[in-house]
């Protein structure tokens, strides 16, 4: 399971997001006994309408992947609502 997905079937049916909480944290990790490295992470909590709380701890790269996937999904929903697939909308604008 990646940091970007929930276990299959763990959120049930048609649950929706009712609250989002997030914070930026810094994890200290040791390369060896002398050197320590600060690793920034984003902690994102999603509360669903069925009461389930999903918590994700994401590195900056994972956060950007998550944000991109979410934006793409939202774009696709908008195109579906307009009943026009994304590849057709590009041709219409040209």
N, C-alpha and C. Protein backbone atom coordinates (compact mmCIF):
# COMPACT_ATOMS: atom_id res chain seq x y z
N UNK A 1 0.85 -1.18 0.00
CA UNK A 1 0.00 0.00 0.00
C UNK A 1 0.89 1.24 0.00
N UNK A 2 0.65 2.13 -0.93
CA UNK A 2 1.44 3.35 -0.97
C UNK A 2 0.86 4.37 0.00
N UNK A 3 1.56 5.47 0.16
CA UNK A 3 1.09 6.53 1.05
C UNK A 3 -0.11 7.25 0.47
N UNK A 4 -0.43 6.99 -0.79
CA UNK A 4 -1.48 7.74 -1.45
C UNK A 4 -2.81 6.98 -1.54
N UNK A 5 -2.86 5.76 -1.07
CA UNK A 5 -4.08 4.97 -1.19
C UNK A 5 -4.47 4.37 0.15
N UNK A 6 -5.76 4.11 0.29
CA UNK A 6 -6.27 3.42 1.47
C UNK A 6 -6.40 1.95 1.11
N UNK A 7 -6.39 1.06 2.12
CA UNK A 7 -6.57 -0.36 1.83
C UNK A 7 -7.89 -0.59 1.09
N UNK A 8 -7.88 -1.49 0.13
CA UNK A 8 -9.07 -1.76 -0.68
C UNK A 8 -10.26 -2.13 0.21
N UNK A 9 -11.36 -1.45 0.01
CA UNK A 9 -12.57 -1.74 0.75
C UNK A 9 -12.62 -1.17 2.15
N UNK A 10 -11.61 -0.41 2.54
CA UNK A 10 -11.56 0.07 3.92
C UNK A 10 -12.47 1.27 4.19
N UNK A 11 -12.89 1.98 3.13
CA UNK A 11 -13.72 3.15 3.37
C UNK A 11 -15.18 2.92 3.06
N UNK A 12 -15.53 1.71 2.67
CA UNK A 12 -16.94 1.39 2.45
C UNK A 12 -17.45 1.97 1.15
N UNK A 13 -18.74 2.24 1.13
CA UNK A 13 -19.42 2.68 -0.09
C UNK A 13 -19.16 4.12 -0.45
N UNK A 14 -20.23 4.86 -0.65
CA UNK A 14 -20.15 6.22 -1.17
C UNK A 14 -19.94 7.23 -0.05
N UNK A 15 -18.82 7.15 0.62
CA UNK A 15 -18.49 8.12 1.67
C UNK A 15 -17.93 9.37 1.02
N UNK A 16 -18.18 10.51 1.64
CA UNK A 16 -17.63 11.77 1.13
C UNK A 16 -16.76 12.40 2.21
N UNK A 17 -15.88 13.30 1.79
CA UNK A 17 -14.99 13.99 2.73
C UNK A 17 -15.79 15.11 3.39
N UNK A 18 -15.80 15.13 4.73
CA UNK A 18 -16.52 16.18 5.45
C UNK A 18 -15.57 17.15 6.16
N UNK A 19 -14.31 16.76 6.33
CA UNK A 19 -13.34 17.64 6.99
C UNK A 19 -11.94 17.26 6.56
N UNK A 20 -11.10 18.26 6.39
CA UNK A 20 -9.69 18.04 6.07
C UNK A 20 -8.86 18.83 7.07
N UNK A 21 -7.88 18.17 7.65
CA UNK A 21 -6.93 18.85 8.53
C UNK A 21 -5.54 18.49 8.03
N UNK A 22 -4.62 19.44 8.13
CA UNK A 22 -3.26 19.17 7.69
C UNK A 22 -2.28 19.97 8.52
N UNK A 23 -1.06 19.49 8.53
CA UNK A 23 0.03 20.22 9.18
C UNK A 23 1.34 19.79 8.52
N UNK A 24 2.33 20.63 8.65
CA UNK A 24 3.67 20.31 8.17
C UNK A 24 4.50 19.99 9.39
N UNK A 25 5.22 18.90 9.32
CA UNK A 25 6.02 18.44 10.44
C UNK A 25 7.43 18.17 9.93
N UNK A 26 8.37 18.03 10.84
CA UNK A 26 9.74 17.70 10.47
C UNK A 26 10.14 16.46 11.26
N UNK A 27 10.52 15.42 10.53
CA UNK A 27 11.00 14.20 11.15
C UNK A 27 12.52 14.23 11.18
N UNK A 28 13.08 13.87 12.30
CA UNK A 28 14.53 13.78 12.40
C UNK A 28 14.92 12.32 12.18
N UNK A 29 15.81 12.10 11.24
CA UNK A 29 16.26 10.74 10.96
C UNK A 29 17.78 10.72 11.00
N UNK A 30 18.33 9.60 11.42
CA UNK A 30 19.78 9.48 11.57
C UNK A 30 20.36 8.73 10.38
N UNK A 31 21.38 9.32 9.78
CA UNK A 31 22.12 8.62 8.74
C UNK A 31 23.13 7.67 9.37
N UNK A 32 23.69 8.12 10.48
CA UNK A 32 24.59 7.29 11.28
C UNK A 32 24.54 7.85 12.70
N UNK A 33 25.44 7.47 13.55
CA UNK A 33 25.36 7.92 14.94
C UNK A 33 25.70 9.39 15.12
N UNK A 34 26.34 10.01 14.13
CA UNK A 34 26.75 11.40 14.24
C UNK A 34 25.81 12.34 13.48
N UNK A 35 25.41 11.95 12.28
CA UNK A 35 24.63 12.83 11.41
C UNK A 35 23.12 12.60 11.55
N UNK A 36 22.41 13.70 11.66
CA UNK A 36 20.95 13.65 11.65
C UNK A 36 20.46 14.54 10.52
N UNK A 37 19.35 14.13 9.91
CA UNK A 37 18.78 14.88 8.79
C UNK A 37 17.32 15.20 9.12
N UNK A 38 16.92 16.44 8.84
CA UNK A 38 15.53 16.84 9.03
C UNK A 38 14.77 16.57 7.72
N UNK A 39 13.69 15.80 7.83
CA UNK A 39 12.89 15.46 6.66
C UNK A 39 11.51 16.09 6.82
N UNK A 40 11.13 17.03 5.93
CA UNK A 40 9.80 17.63 6.05
C UNK A 40 8.74 16.64 5.56
N UNK A 41 7.61 16.61 6.26
CA UNK A 41 6.47 15.79 5.85
C UNK A 41 5.19 16.59 6.05
N UNK A 42 4.20 16.27 5.25
CA UNK A 42 2.87 16.83 5.43
C UNK A 42 2.00 15.72 6.01
N UNK A 43 1.28 16.04 7.08
CA UNK A 43 0.35 15.09 7.68
C UNK A 43 -1.05 15.57 7.33
N UNK A 44 -1.78 14.76 6.56
CA UNK A 44 -3.11 15.13 6.07
C UNK A 44 -4.13 14.16 6.66
N UNK A 45 -5.16 14.73 7.29
CA UNK A 45 -6.23 13.91 7.84
C UNK A 45 -7.53 14.21 7.11
N UNK A 46 -8.19 13.16 6.65
CA UNK A 46 -9.47 13.28 5.95
C UNK A 46 -10.54 12.58 6.78
N UNK A 47 -11.54 13.32 7.23
CA UNK A 47 -12.67 12.71 7.94
C UNK A 47 -13.79 12.49 6.93
N UNK A 48 -14.28 11.25 6.89
CA UNK A 48 -15.31 10.88 5.93
C UNK A 48 -16.69 10.93 6.57
N UNK A 49 -17.70 10.99 5.74
CA UNK A 49 -19.08 11.08 6.22
C UNK A 49 -19.51 9.85 7.01
N UNK A 50 -18.81 8.73 6.82
CA UNK A 50 -19.14 7.52 7.57
C UNK A 50 -18.36 7.42 8.88
N UNK A 51 -17.65 8.49 9.25
CA UNK A 51 -16.93 8.54 10.52
C UNK A 51 -15.49 8.08 10.47
N UNK A 52 -15.05 7.51 9.38
CA UNK A 52 -13.68 7.02 9.25
C UNK A 52 -12.73 8.21 9.09
N UNK A 53 -11.59 8.15 9.78
CA UNK A 53 -10.53 9.16 9.65
C UNK A 53 -9.35 8.51 8.95
N UNK A 54 -8.99 9.03 7.79
CA UNK A 54 -7.81 8.57 7.05
C UNK A 54 -6.70 9.57 7.30
N UNK A 55 -5.53 9.08 7.70
CA UNK A 55 -4.39 9.95 7.96
C UNK A 55 -3.24 9.53 7.06
N UNK A 56 -2.68 10.48 6.34
CA UNK A 56 -1.57 10.24 5.43
C UNK A 56 -0.38 11.08 5.86
N UNK A 57 0.79 10.47 5.88
CA UNK A 57 2.04 11.19 6.11
C UNK A 57 2.80 11.15 4.80
N UNK A 58 3.00 12.33 4.21
CA UNK A 58 3.53 12.42 2.85
C UNK A 58 4.82 13.24 2.80
N UNK A 59 5.79 12.74 2.06
CA UNK A 59 6.99 13.51 1.78
C UNK A 59 6.60 14.60 0.79
N UNK A 60 7.45 15.59 0.56
CA UNK A 60 7.11 16.62 -0.44
C UNK A 60 6.78 16.03 -1.81
N UNK A 61 7.54 15.04 -2.27
CA UNK A 61 7.27 14.43 -3.57
C UNK A 61 5.91 13.72 -3.58
N UNK A 62 5.61 12.99 -2.52
CA UNK A 62 4.32 12.30 -2.43
C UNK A 62 3.18 13.30 -2.38
N UNK A 63 3.37 14.43 -1.67
CA UNK A 63 2.33 15.45 -1.59
C UNK A 63 2.04 16.03 -2.97
N UNK A 64 3.08 16.27 -3.76
CA UNK A 64 2.89 16.80 -5.11
C UNK A 64 2.16 15.78 -5.99
N UNK A 65 2.51 14.49 -5.86
CA UNK A 65 1.81 13.44 -6.62
C UNK A 65 0.34 13.40 -6.22
N UNK A 66 0.07 13.49 -4.94
CA UNK A 66 -1.29 13.44 -4.40
C UNK A 66 -2.09 14.64 -4.91
N UNK A 67 -1.48 15.82 -4.84
CA UNK A 67 -2.13 17.04 -5.31
C UNK A 67 -2.44 16.95 -6.80
N UNK A 68 -1.48 16.45 -7.58
CA UNK A 68 -1.68 16.32 -9.02
C UNK A 68 -2.82 15.35 -9.32
N UNK A 69 -2.83 14.19 -8.64
CA UNK A 69 -3.89 13.19 -8.86
C UNK A 69 -5.25 13.76 -8.48
N UNK A 70 -5.31 14.51 -7.40
CA UNK A 70 -6.57 15.11 -6.97
C UNK A 70 -7.05 16.15 -7.99
N UNK A 71 -6.14 17.00 -8.45
CA UNK A 71 -6.50 18.02 -9.44
C UNK A 71 -6.97 17.37 -10.74
N UNK A 72 -6.29 16.31 -11.17
CA UNK A 72 -6.68 15.60 -12.38
C UNK A 72 -8.06 14.97 -12.22
N UNK A 73 -8.30 14.37 -11.07
CA UNK A 73 -9.62 13.78 -10.81
C UNK A 73 -10.72 14.81 -10.82
N UNK A 74 -10.46 15.97 -10.21
CA UNK A 74 -11.46 17.04 -10.20
C UNK A 74 -11.71 17.56 -11.61
N UNK A 75 -10.65 17.69 -12.40
CA UNK A 75 -10.80 18.13 -13.79
C UNK A 75 -11.66 17.15 -14.57
N UNK A 76 -11.38 15.85 -14.37
CA UNK A 76 -12.15 14.83 -15.08
C UNK A 76 -13.62 14.86 -14.70
N UNK A 77 -13.91 15.11 -13.43
CA UNK A 77 -15.31 15.22 -12.99
C UNK A 77 -15.99 16.40 -13.68
N UNK A 78 -15.30 17.52 -13.76
CA UNK A 78 -15.87 18.68 -14.44
C UNK A 78 -16.17 18.38 -15.90
N UNK A 79 -15.25 17.69 -16.58
CA UNK A 79 -15.47 17.32 -17.97
C UNK A 79 -16.65 16.35 -18.09
N UNK A 80 -16.75 15.40 -17.15
CA UNK A 80 -17.87 14.45 -17.19
C UNK A 80 -19.20 15.17 -16.98
N UNK A 81 -19.19 16.16 -16.09
CA UNK A 81 -20.42 16.92 -15.87
C UNK A 81 -20.82 17.69 -17.13
N UNK A 82 -19.84 18.13 -17.87
CA UNK A 82 -20.11 18.84 -19.13
C UNK A 82 -20.32 17.84 -20.28
N UNK A 83 -20.16 16.54 -19.97
CA UNK A 83 -20.31 15.46 -20.96
C UNK A 83 -19.38 15.65 -22.16
N UNK A 84 -18.18 16.11 -21.86
CA UNK A 84 -17.21 16.31 -22.92
C UNK A 84 -15.87 15.75 -22.42
N UNK A 85 -15.34 14.71 -23.05
CA UNK A 85 -14.07 14.13 -22.60
C UNK A 85 -12.91 15.12 -22.74
N UNK A 86 -11.89 15.00 -21.88
CA UNK A 86 -10.76 15.95 -21.90
C UNK A 86 -10.10 16.10 -23.27
N UNK A 87 -9.92 15.00 -24.01
CA UNK A 87 -9.24 15.13 -25.31
C UNK A 87 -10.10 15.90 -26.32
N UNK A 88 -11.42 15.86 -26.18
CA UNK A 88 -12.30 16.62 -27.08
C UNK A 88 -12.29 18.11 -26.72
N UNK A 89 -12.18 18.42 -25.45
CA UNK A 89 -12.17 19.82 -25.02
C UNK A 89 -10.93 20.53 -25.55
N UNK A 90 -9.79 19.82 -25.61
CA UNK A 90 -8.57 20.42 -26.14
C UNK A 90 -8.75 20.77 -27.62
N UNK A 91 -9.38 19.89 -28.37
CA UNK A 91 -9.59 20.13 -29.80
C UNK A 91 -10.56 21.31 -30.00
N UNK A 92 -11.55 21.41 -29.15
CA UNK A 92 -12.54 22.49 -29.28
C UNK A 92 -11.90 23.86 -29.03
N UNK A 93 -10.88 23.90 -28.13
CA UNK A 93 -10.22 25.18 -27.82
C UNK A 93 -9.27 25.60 -28.92
N UNK A 94 -8.81 24.67 -29.73
CA UNK A 94 -7.79 24.99 -30.75
C UNK A 94 -8.39 25.64 -31.95
